[in-house]
Structures are given as C-alpha cells and as structure tokens.
N, C-alpha and C. Protein backbone atom coordinates (compact mmCIF):
# COMPACT_ATOMS: atom_id res chain seq x y z
N MET A 1 -5.76 -4.48 26.20
CA MET A 1 -5.49 -4.12 24.71
C MET A 1 -6.42 -5.12 23.89
N THR A 2 -7.12 -3.81 23.04
CA THR A 2 -8.13 -4.08 21.99
C THR A 2 -7.76 -4.27 20.63
N GLU A 3 -8.31 -4.89 19.53
CA GLU A 3 -7.89 -4.74 18.36
C GLU A 3 -7.89 -3.48 17.65
N ALA A 4 -8.54 -2.96 18.38
CA ALA A 4 -9.19 -1.08 17.69
C ALA A 4 -7.39 -0.30 18.19
N GLU A 5 -6.91 -0.98 19.43
CA GLU A 5 -5.96 0.12 19.57
C GLU A 5 -4.58 -0.54 19.08
N VAL A 6 -4.76 -1.89 19.08
CA VAL A 6 -3.15 -2.44 18.01
C VAL A 6 -3.57 -1.40 16.47
N ARG A 7 -4.62 -1.35 15.95
CA ARG A 7 -4.78 -0.93 14.87
C ARG A 7 -4.74 0.92 14.67
N ALA A 8 -4.65 1.24 16.04
CA ALA A 8 -4.37 2.51 15.49
C ALA A 8 -3.20 2.73 15.84
N ALA A 9 -2.50 1.92 16.53
CA ALA A 9 -0.62 1.86 16.48
C ALA A 9 -0.31 1.53 14.97
N MET A 10 -0.85 0.46 14.32
CA MET A 10 -0.65 0.26 12.87
C MET A 10 -0.72 1.34 11.99
N ALA A 11 -1.71 2.09 12.33
CA ALA A 11 -1.59 3.25 11.43
C ALA A 11 -0.44 4.51 11.78
N ALA A 12 0.11 4.17 12.53
CA ALA A 12 1.44 5.18 13.07
C ALA A 12 2.75 4.38 12.26
N VAL A 13 2.45 3.22 11.63
CA VAL A 13 3.31 2.70 10.89
C VAL A 13 3.31 3.11 9.42
N LYS A 14 4.86 3.54 8.78
CA LYS A 14 5.04 4.03 7.74
C LYS A 14 5.14 3.12 6.61
N ASP A 15 4.65 3.79 5.21
CA ASP A 15 5.64 2.59 4.47
C ASP A 15 7.00 3.01 4.20
N PRO A 16 8.02 2.34 4.15
CA PRO A 16 9.67 2.64 4.28
C PRO A 16 9.89 3.62 2.79
N GLU A 17 9.04 2.98 1.84
CA GLU A 17 9.13 3.64 0.85
C GLU A 17 8.11 4.86 0.21
N ILE A 18 7.26 5.03 1.37
CA ILE A 18 6.28 5.88 0.90
C ILE A 18 5.72 6.57 1.94
N PRO A 19 6.98 7.28 2.90
CA PRO A 19 6.93 7.66 4.37
C PRO A 19 5.03 8.89 4.41
N THR A 20 4.49 8.91 3.36
CA THR A 20 3.58 9.58 3.56
C THR A 20 2.37 9.07 3.64
N ALA A 21 2.41 7.74 3.82
CA ALA A 21 1.43 6.36 3.73
C ALA A 21 1.60 5.55 4.78
N SER A 22 0.60 5.44 5.59
CA SER A 22 0.70 4.58 6.95
C SER A 22 0.45 3.05 6.08
N ILE A 23 1.09 1.74 6.82
CA ILE A 23 0.84 0.74 6.19
C ILE A 23 -0.83 0.14 6.14
N VAL A 24 -1.14 0.59 7.14
CA VAL A 24 -3.30 0.68 6.86
C VAL A 24 -3.53 1.31 5.67
N ASP A 25 -3.12 2.13 5.83
CA ASP A 25 -3.96 2.89 4.73
C ASP A 25 -3.85 2.44 3.14
N LEU A 26 -2.53 1.63 3.52
CA LEU A 26 -1.82 1.10 2.10
C LEU A 26 -3.01 -0.26 1.64
N GLY A 27 -3.74 -0.86 2.61
CA GLY A 27 -4.39 -2.01 2.82
C GLY A 27 -3.46 -3.16 3.29
N ILE A 28 -2.17 -3.07 3.61
CA ILE A 28 -1.42 -3.85 4.09
C ILE A 28 -1.73 -5.05 5.64
N VAL A 29 -1.89 -4.10 6.15
CA VAL A 29 -2.55 -4.73 7.39
C VAL A 29 -3.83 -5.95 7.28
N HIS A 30 -3.84 -7.01 7.30
CA HIS A 30 -4.91 -7.88 7.11
C HIS A 30 -5.84 -8.48 8.21
N ASP A 31 -5.07 -9.01 8.98
CA ASP A 31 -5.51 -9.00 10.22
C ASP A 31 -5.12 -8.90 11.54
N VAL A 32 -5.71 -8.61 12.42
CA VAL A 32 -5.18 -8.51 13.87
C VAL A 32 -5.86 -9.19 14.64
N ARG A 33 -5.41 -10.08 15.87
CA ARG A 33 -5.77 -10.73 16.67
C ARG A 33 -5.19 -10.78 17.90
N VAL A 34 -6.07 -10.47 19.17
CA VAL A 34 -5.29 -10.06 20.52
C VAL A 34 -5.82 -11.17 21.30
N SER A 35 -4.92 -11.75 22.22
CA SER A 35 -5.18 -12.38 23.24
C SER A 35 -4.88 -12.65 24.46
N GLY A 36 -5.05 -12.06 25.18
CA GLY A 36 -4.32 -11.51 26.38
C GLY A 36 -3.31 -10.29 26.13
N ASP A 37 -2.38 -10.86 26.41
CA ASP A 37 -1.12 -9.91 26.25
C ASP A 37 -0.43 -10.28 24.92
N ARG A 38 -0.54 -11.21 24.13
CA ARG A 38 0.08 -11.53 22.43
C ARG A 38 -1.19 -11.20 21.56
N ILE A 39 -0.46 -10.47 20.87
CA ILE A 39 -0.84 -9.73 19.45
C ILE A 39 -0.24 -10.76 18.30
N GLU A 40 -1.05 -10.95 17.39
CA GLU A 40 -0.89 -11.86 15.81
C GLU A 40 -1.25 -10.86 14.82
N ILE A 41 -0.76 -10.61 14.25
CA ILE A 41 -0.93 -9.98 12.91
C ILE A 41 -0.27 -10.53 11.66
N ASP A 42 -1.24 -10.13 10.47
CA ASP A 42 -1.00 -10.77 9.31
C ASP A 42 -1.11 -9.38 8.49
N LEU A 43 -0.12 -9.37 7.86
CA LEU A 43 0.44 -8.66 6.62
C LEU A 43 0.58 -9.48 5.37
N LEU A 44 -0.26 -8.20 4.09
CA LEU A 44 0.19 -8.51 3.01
C LEU A 44 0.71 -7.94 2.27
N PRO A 45 1.66 -8.45 1.65
CA PRO A 45 2.78 -7.65 0.61
C PRO A 45 2.01 -7.03 -0.64
N THR A 46 2.46 -5.48 -0.68
CA THR A 46 2.10 -5.15 -2.03
C THR A 46 2.32 -5.97 -3.45
N PHE A 47 3.44 -6.68 -3.03
CA PHE A 47 4.25 -7.87 -4.53
C PHE A 47 5.45 -8.55 -3.57
N ALA A 48 5.29 -10.03 -3.71
CA ALA A 48 6.07 -10.73 -3.03
C ALA A 48 7.59 -10.57 -2.79
N GLY A 49 8.48 -9.70 -3.78
CA GLY A 49 9.38 -9.51 -3.81
C GLY A 49 9.79 -8.33 -3.20
N CYS A 50 8.83 -7.51 -3.06
CA CYS A 50 9.10 -6.12 -2.09
C CYS A 50 9.83 -5.68 -1.18
N PRO A 51 11.20 -5.37 -1.54
CA PRO A 51 12.69 -4.72 -0.53
C PRO A 51 12.35 -3.93 0.66
N ALA A 52 10.87 -4.05 0.86
CA ALA A 52 10.43 -3.15 2.34
C ALA A 52 10.26 -4.03 3.30
N LEU A 53 10.11 -5.25 3.03
CA LEU A 53 9.14 -6.08 3.94
C LEU A 53 9.88 -6.14 4.84
N ASP A 54 11.07 -6.61 5.16
CA ASP A 54 11.97 -6.57 6.74
C ASP A 54 11.90 -5.40 7.60
N VAL A 55 11.62 -4.01 6.79
CA VAL A 55 11.82 -3.14 7.47
C VAL A 55 10.44 -2.65 8.14
N ILE A 56 9.17 -3.12 7.08
CA ILE A 56 8.00 -2.89 7.49
C ILE A 56 7.40 -3.71 8.63
N LYS A 57 8.14 -5.35 8.59
CA LYS A 57 8.01 -5.99 9.81
C LYS A 57 8.60 -5.83 11.19
N GLN A 58 9.70 -5.04 11.06
CA GLN A 58 10.67 -4.27 12.14
C GLN A 58 9.83 -3.82 12.56
N ASP A 59 9.34 -2.91 12.15
CA ASP A 59 8.69 -1.47 12.44
C ASP A 59 7.22 -1.93 12.80
N VAL A 60 6.52 -3.26 12.54
CA VAL A 60 5.15 -3.16 12.79
C VAL A 60 5.33 -4.16 14.47
N GLU A 61 6.37 -4.68 14.27
CA GLU A 61 6.65 -5.67 15.65
C GLU A 61 7.35 -4.83 16.83
N GLN A 62 7.81 -3.66 16.60
CA GLN A 62 7.89 -2.60 17.67
C GLN A 62 6.70 -1.90 17.84
N ALA A 63 6.03 -1.45 17.09
CA ALA A 63 4.73 -0.97 17.36
C ALA A 63 3.48 -1.53 18.59
N ALA A 64 3.95 -3.17 18.15
CA ALA A 64 2.78 -4.00 18.69
C ALA A 64 3.67 -4.00 20.29
N ARG A 65 5.19 -3.52 20.48
CA ARG A 65 5.67 -4.39 21.45
C ARG A 65 5.65 -2.83 22.66
N ASP A 66 5.54 -2.17 21.73
CA ASP A 66 5.49 -0.35 22.54
C ASP A 66 3.91 -0.89 23.01
N LEU A 67 2.93 -1.27 22.62
CA LEU A 67 2.14 -1.63 23.40
C LEU A 67 2.13 -2.37 24.77
N GLY A 68 2.92 -3.13 24.96
CA GLY A 68 3.24 -3.64 26.27
C GLY A 68 2.91 -5.18 25.88
N ALA A 69 3.15 -5.86 24.66
CA ALA A 69 2.63 -7.30 24.13
C ALA A 69 3.70 -7.93 23.66
N ASP A 70 3.15 -9.18 23.40
CA ASP A 70 4.40 -10.20 23.18
C ASP A 70 3.36 -10.30 21.57
N VAL A 71 4.39 -10.29 20.37
CA VAL A 71 3.88 -10.05 19.19
C VAL A 71 4.49 -11.47 18.01
N ALA A 72 3.34 -11.47 17.38
CA ALA A 72 4.20 -12.79 16.37
C ALA A 72 3.47 -11.88 14.62
N VAL A 73 4.46 -11.71 13.73
CA VAL A 73 3.85 -10.77 12.35
C VAL A 73 4.27 -12.01 11.47
N ARG A 74 3.49 -11.53 10.69
CA ARG A 74 3.69 -12.79 9.18
C ARG A 74 3.16 -12.23 8.50
N PHE A 75 3.81 -12.37 6.98
CA PHE A 75 2.89 -12.45 5.89
C PHE A 75 2.58 -13.16 5.48
N VAL A 76 1.13 -13.44 4.90
CA VAL A 76 0.07 -13.90 4.15
C VAL A 76 -0.18 -13.39 2.64
N TYR A 77 -0.27 -14.53 1.92
CA TYR A 77 -0.38 -14.23 0.43
C TYR A 77 -2.20 -14.64 0.16
N ASN A 78 -2.36 -15.16 1.04
CA ASN A 78 -3.89 -15.24 0.53
C ASN A 78 -4.92 -14.87 1.41
N PRO A 79 -5.81 -14.12 0.81
CA PRO A 79 -5.97 -12.88 0.03
C PRO A 79 -5.12 -12.22 -0.65
N PRO A 80 -4.79 -12.33 -1.72
CA PRO A 80 -3.34 -11.53 -2.19
C PRO A 80 -3.76 -9.91 -2.30
N TRP A 81 -3.11 -9.52 -1.94
CA TRP A 81 -3.64 -7.69 -1.95
C TRP A 81 -3.08 -6.83 -3.35
N THR A 82 -4.24 -6.43 -3.69
CA THR A 82 -4.80 -5.48 -4.85
C THR A 82 -4.96 -3.86 -4.37
N THR A 83 -5.15 -3.28 -5.43
CA THR A 83 -5.18 -1.76 -5.30
C THR A 83 -6.16 -1.22 -4.53
N ASP A 84 -7.21 -2.18 -4.66
CA ASP A 84 -8.61 -1.84 -4.02
C ASP A 84 -8.67 -1.74 -2.41
N ARG A 85 -7.32 -2.09 -1.94
CA ARG A 85 -7.29 -2.10 -0.75
C ARG A 85 -6.82 -0.75 -0.19
N VAL A 86 -6.30 -0.19 -1.02
CA VAL A 86 -5.78 1.49 -0.62
C VAL A 86 -6.82 2.43 -0.30
N ASN A 87 -6.80 2.83 0.91
CA ASN A 87 -8.21 4.09 1.10
C ASN A 87 -7.89 4.76 0.45
N GLU A 88 -9.06 6.09 0.87
CA GLU A 88 -9.09 7.35 0.59
C GLU A 88 -8.05 8.13 1.09
N GLN A 89 -7.41 7.85 2.18
CA GLN A 89 -6.16 8.27 3.12
C GLN A 89 -4.98 7.97 2.03
N GLY A 90 -4.97 6.54 2.03
CA GLY A 90 -4.08 6.51 0.94
C GLY A 90 -3.46 7.01 -0.23
N GLN A 91 -4.30 6.97 -0.73
CA GLN A 91 -4.58 7.52 -1.87
C GLN A 91 -4.15 9.34 -2.41
N ASP A 92 -4.63 9.76 -1.44
CA ASP A 92 -4.46 11.30 -0.94
C ASP A 92 -2.69 10.87 -0.42
N ALA A 93 -2.16 10.31 0.37
CA ALA A 93 -1.04 10.25 0.72
C ALA A 93 -0.12 10.09 -0.42
N LEU A 94 -0.30 8.86 -1.31
CA LEU A 94 0.51 8.28 -2.53
C LEU A 94 0.00 9.93 -3.44
N ASN A 95 -0.67 10.37 -3.73
CA ASN A 95 -0.49 11.35 -4.19
C ASN A 95 0.32 12.57 -3.73
N ALA A 96 0.26 12.90 -2.07
CA ALA A 96 1.06 14.14 -1.76
C ALA A 96 2.27 13.48 -2.02
N TYR A 97 2.77 12.62 -2.28
CA TYR A 97 4.13 12.16 -2.43
C TYR A 97 4.81 12.01 -3.94
N GLY A 98 3.74 12.43 -4.61
CA GLY A 98 4.26 12.16 -6.14
C GLY A 98 3.83 11.36 -6.62
N ILE A 99 3.07 10.33 -6.30
CA ILE A 99 2.47 9.30 -7.03
C ILE A 99 1.16 8.91 -7.23
N SER A 100 0.88 8.78 -8.48
CA SER A 100 0.08 8.41 -8.73
C SER A 100 -1.04 7.49 -8.11
N PRO A 101 -2.27 7.55 -7.49
CA PRO A 101 -2.97 6.36 -6.57
C PRO A 101 -3.53 5.55 -8.11
N PRO A 102 -3.62 4.33 -7.24
CA PRO A 102 -3.82 3.19 -8.14
C PRO A 102 -5.15 3.48 -8.76
N LEU A 103 -5.81 2.87 -9.46
CA LEU A 103 -7.31 3.02 -10.30
C LEU A 103 -7.49 1.50 -10.62
N LEU A 104 -9.11 1.30 -10.05
CA LEU A 104 -9.44 -0.01 -10.24
C LEU A 104 -10.71 0.23 -11.22
N GLN A 105 -10.10 -0.33 -12.54
CA GLN A 105 -11.29 0.01 -13.61
C GLN A 105 -11.43 -0.84 -14.43
N ILE A 106 -11.92 -2.12 -14.27
CA ILE A 106 -12.34 -2.72 -15.31
C ILE A 106 -13.31 -3.10 -16.45
N GLY A 107 -12.88 -3.36 -17.60
CA GLY A 107 -13.11 -2.81 -18.99
C GLY A 107 -13.79 -1.49 -19.46
N ARG A 108 -12.28 -0.96 -19.05
CA ARG A 108 -12.41 0.61 -19.44
C ARG A 108 -10.92 1.03 -19.47
N ALA A 109 -11.08 1.93 -20.61
CA ALA A 109 -9.60 2.02 -20.50
C ALA A 109 -9.01 3.55 -19.10
N GLN A 110 -8.25 3.22 -18.98
CA GLN A 110 -7.85 4.21 -17.44
C GLN A 110 -7.27 5.83 -17.79
N THR A 111 -7.84 6.31 -16.91
CA THR A 111 -6.81 7.94 -17.23
C THR A 111 -6.08 7.87 -16.05
N ILE A 112 -4.70 8.11 -15.86
CA ILE A 112 -4.36 8.37 -14.56
C ILE A 112 -3.95 10.05 -14.44
N ALA A 113 -4.46 10.47 -13.60
CA ALA A 113 -4.33 11.82 -13.15
C ALA A 113 -2.40 12.20 -12.95
N CYS A 114 -2.43 13.24 -13.01
CA CYS A 114 -1.11 13.77 -12.60
C CYS A 114 -0.92 14.18 -11.41
N PRO A 115 0.19 14.08 -10.24
CA PRO A 115 -0.54 14.19 -9.03
C PRO A 115 0.04 15.55 -9.31
N TYR A 116 1.21 16.60 -9.69
CA TYR A 116 1.29 17.60 -9.81
C TYR A 116 0.02 18.84 -10.53
N CYS A 117 -0.54 18.16 -11.31
CA CYS A 117 -1.22 19.36 -11.80
C CYS A 117 -2.82 18.85 -12.42
N GLY A 118 -2.83 17.78 -12.02
CA GLY A 118 -4.62 16.90 -12.62
C GLY A 118 -4.41 16.63 -13.30
N SER A 119 -3.74 16.92 -14.70
CA SER A 119 -4.23 16.86 -15.59
C SER A 119 -4.28 14.88 -15.82
N ASP A 120 -5.27 14.69 -16.99
CA ASP A 120 -5.36 13.42 -17.48
C ASP A 120 -4.71 12.68 -18.90
N GLN A 121 -3.54 14.15 -19.28
CA GLN A 121 -3.07 13.87 -20.60
C GLN A 121 -1.93 13.46 -20.21
N THR A 122 -1.57 11.97 -19.54
CA THR A 122 -0.79 11.17 -19.17
C THR A 122 -0.52 10.09 -19.70
N ILE A 123 1.04 9.11 -19.28
CA ILE A 123 1.09 8.61 -20.37
C ILE A 123 2.01 7.58 -19.71
N GLU A 124 2.04 6.01 -19.37
CA GLU A 124 3.01 5.51 -19.19
C GLU A 124 4.22 5.33 -20.05
N GLU A 125 5.35 5.52 -19.37
CA GLU A 125 6.95 5.81 -20.03
C GLU A 125 7.40 4.40 -19.41
N SER A 126 7.29 3.33 -18.52
CA SER A 126 7.83 2.07 -18.30
C SER A 126 6.86 1.74 -17.25
N ALA A 127 6.63 0.43 -17.63
CA ALA A 127 5.83 -0.18 -16.51
C ALA A 127 6.92 -0.76 -14.98
N PHE A 128 8.37 -0.63 -15.40
CA PHE A 128 9.25 -1.29 -14.81
C PHE A 128 9.75 0.50 -13.69
N GLY A 129 8.94 0.75 -12.55
CA GLY A 129 9.76 1.98 -11.94
C GLY A 129 10.63 1.46 -11.16
N PRO A 130 10.91 2.17 -9.81
CA PRO A 130 12.06 2.04 -8.88
C PRO A 130 11.81 0.77 -7.73
N THR A 131 10.76 0.42 -7.56
CA THR A 131 10.46 -0.86 -6.86
C THR A 131 9.24 -1.72 -7.85
N PRO A 132 8.95 -2.69 -7.55
CA PRO A 132 7.93 -3.65 -8.40
C PRO A 132 6.34 -3.30 -8.48
N CYS A 133 6.43 -2.44 -7.10
CA CYS A 133 4.97 -1.93 -7.47
C CYS A 133 4.55 -0.75 -7.81
N ARG A 134 5.43 0.14 -8.59
CA ARG A 134 5.32 1.31 -9.47
C ARG A 134 5.71 1.37 -10.99
N THR A 135 5.56 2.31 -11.43
CA THR A 135 5.62 2.56 -13.05
C THR A 135 6.27 3.98 -13.17
N VAL A 136 7.01 4.11 -14.08
CA VAL A 136 7.36 5.57 -14.30
C VAL A 136 5.87 6.09 -15.27
N ARG A 137 6.07 7.63 -15.21
CA ARG A 137 4.70 8.06 -16.62
C ARG A 137 5.12 9.21 -16.28
N TYR A 138 4.51 10.19 -17.70
CA TYR A 138 5.04 11.67 -17.78
C TYR A 138 3.55 12.43 -17.86
N CYS A 139 3.75 13.49 -17.40
CA CYS A 139 2.49 14.13 -17.42
C CYS A 139 2.68 15.11 -19.14
N ASN A 140 1.97 15.00 -19.95
CA ASN A 140 2.07 16.04 -20.97
C ASN A 140 1.71 17.11 -21.14
N SER A 141 0.93 17.64 -19.96
CA SER A 141 0.69 18.77 -19.61
C SER A 141 1.18 20.27 -19.12
N CYS A 142 1.89 18.85 -17.81
CA CYS A 142 2.84 20.08 -17.21
C CYS A 142 4.53 19.38 -17.19
N ARG A 143 4.71 18.85 -17.90
CA ARG A 143 5.90 18.20 -18.35
C ARG A 143 6.82 17.27 -17.36
N ASN A 144 6.12 16.71 -16.31
CA ASN A 144 6.52 16.12 -15.09
C ASN A 144 6.73 15.09 -15.38
N PRO A 145 7.86 14.24 -14.83
CA PRO A 145 7.79 12.79 -14.90
C PRO A 145 6.81 12.47 -13.31
N PHE A 146 6.59 11.19 -13.18
CA PHE A 146 6.02 11.47 -11.67
C PHE A 146 5.96 9.32 -12.08
N GLU A 147 5.74 8.88 -10.77
CA GLU A 147 5.57 7.32 -10.61
C GLU A 147 4.36 7.28 -10.24
N GLY A 148 3.80 5.86 -10.68
CA GLY A 148 2.58 5.85 -10.34
C GLY A 148 2.57 4.39 -9.72
N PHE A 149 1.10 4.25 -9.00
CA PHE A 149 1.14 2.71 -8.36
C PHE A 149 0.62 1.92 -9.07
N LYS A 150 0.98 0.43 -9.70
CA LYS A 150 0.72 0.02 -10.39
C LYS A 150 -0.68 -0.42 -9.92
N THR A 151 -1.69 -1.04 -11.12
CA THR A 151 -3.14 -1.45 -10.51
C THR A 151 -3.07 -3.38 -10.73
N LYS A 152 -3.14 -3.74 -9.81
CA LYS A 152 -3.02 -4.97 -9.44
C LYS A 152 -4.15 -5.66 -9.38
N LEU A 153 -5.00 -6.09 -10.03
CA LEU A 153 -6.46 -6.62 -10.26
C LEU A 153 -6.64 -7.60 -9.56
N PRO A 154 -8.17 -7.76 -8.42
CA PRO A 154 -8.63 -8.86 -7.80
C PRO A 154 -7.93 -10.21 -8.88
N PRO A 155 -8.47 -11.20 -8.34
CA PRO A 155 -8.19 -11.93 -9.00
C PRO A 155 -10.07 -12.55 -9.54
N SER A 156 -10.12 -13.03 -10.83
CA SER A 156 -11.55 -13.09 -11.56
C SER A 156 -12.43 -14.42 -10.66
N PRO A 157 -13.68 -14.04 -10.78
CA PRO A 157 -14.46 -14.78 -9.57
C PRO A 157 -14.06 -16.20 -10.34
N SER A 158 -13.61 -16.53 -11.45
CA SER A 158 -13.53 -18.11 -11.79
C SER A 158 -12.31 -19.06 -11.13
N ALA A 159 -11.15 -18.02 -10.51
CA ALA A 159 -10.06 -18.24 -10.09
C ALA A 159 -10.21 -18.85 -8.65
N SER A 160 -11.80 -18.54 -7.91
CA SER A 160 -11.66 -19.01 -6.57
C SER A 160 -12.03 -20.32 -6.29
C-alpha cells in the first residue's frame, strides 16, 4: 500500500456537513504516512470546535481500514488550516452545494459571488452561520440567501 492509494481513499471521504466536498479537496488531510500495514493520518480541522470532527475521524478510519491496514488518525493544529488549502475541486463542490467558496485576498476588498447567479452584488448578513466555518450572505441580484465559507487567513509571517 502506498501513500497515493491512501490519499485516493481519503478523496472518497466526504465532509459530513458539505457532502459534495471531499476532505482532500477541502484541504483537511495534512499528512499521510504508510509503514508496512500501518497508516497514520494527520487531519487539520477547519475550526477547533467543528461539530463534525468525530464523524470525519470515523469515516477516515473506516476508509483506511478498508485498505486492510491498522490506522491511527489524529487532529493536528500546526500548521493551522486556512482557506487557501481548498483546491479548485473543493471550490467547485462548495459552489455546487450553494456555499460561496472562500477567497484569499489580502489588502483589498472581497467580492463574493453568489453561487446561484454569479453576481458579485452580495452582502454578508451575519458572520455567524450554521457552523463555525460559515457565514450567512444575501444576493441583491437574485435575492437568494446563501452561505459563505469564512475566510481564514494564514498567520502573518511575523507570527512564525
């Protein structure tokens, strides 16, 4: 068994709160180590208090066990997860689910496109969405509410 095979298995594990997105596409899988018939997987939670962590861990453990291996899964917090870890497939999956993908724009205003009509005429109605990682937004063009993935910036270079 190889690291690539384990990562492929992890790509089939969906985020329980966003079933269109895999944990790989969301950048949650940080490290995979394979040694003989043992797999160690480090995951980066999007938020420390994410209510889906137990489900994600169980799903990852099951996917790894399905490869015929002994598995250890742990959550790590260094480096911290940031929105720049979401790949293009993850952004498409978020958009398909009606969640505006995160934008990483430092030093300039953010325009977040509506996942329904594509308009940039959107506003944030509340920074507090249904989960700690999402906000509630509204499109002034098509008049639909939608969720946005919170932008979580990487630490500043001076924090290293």
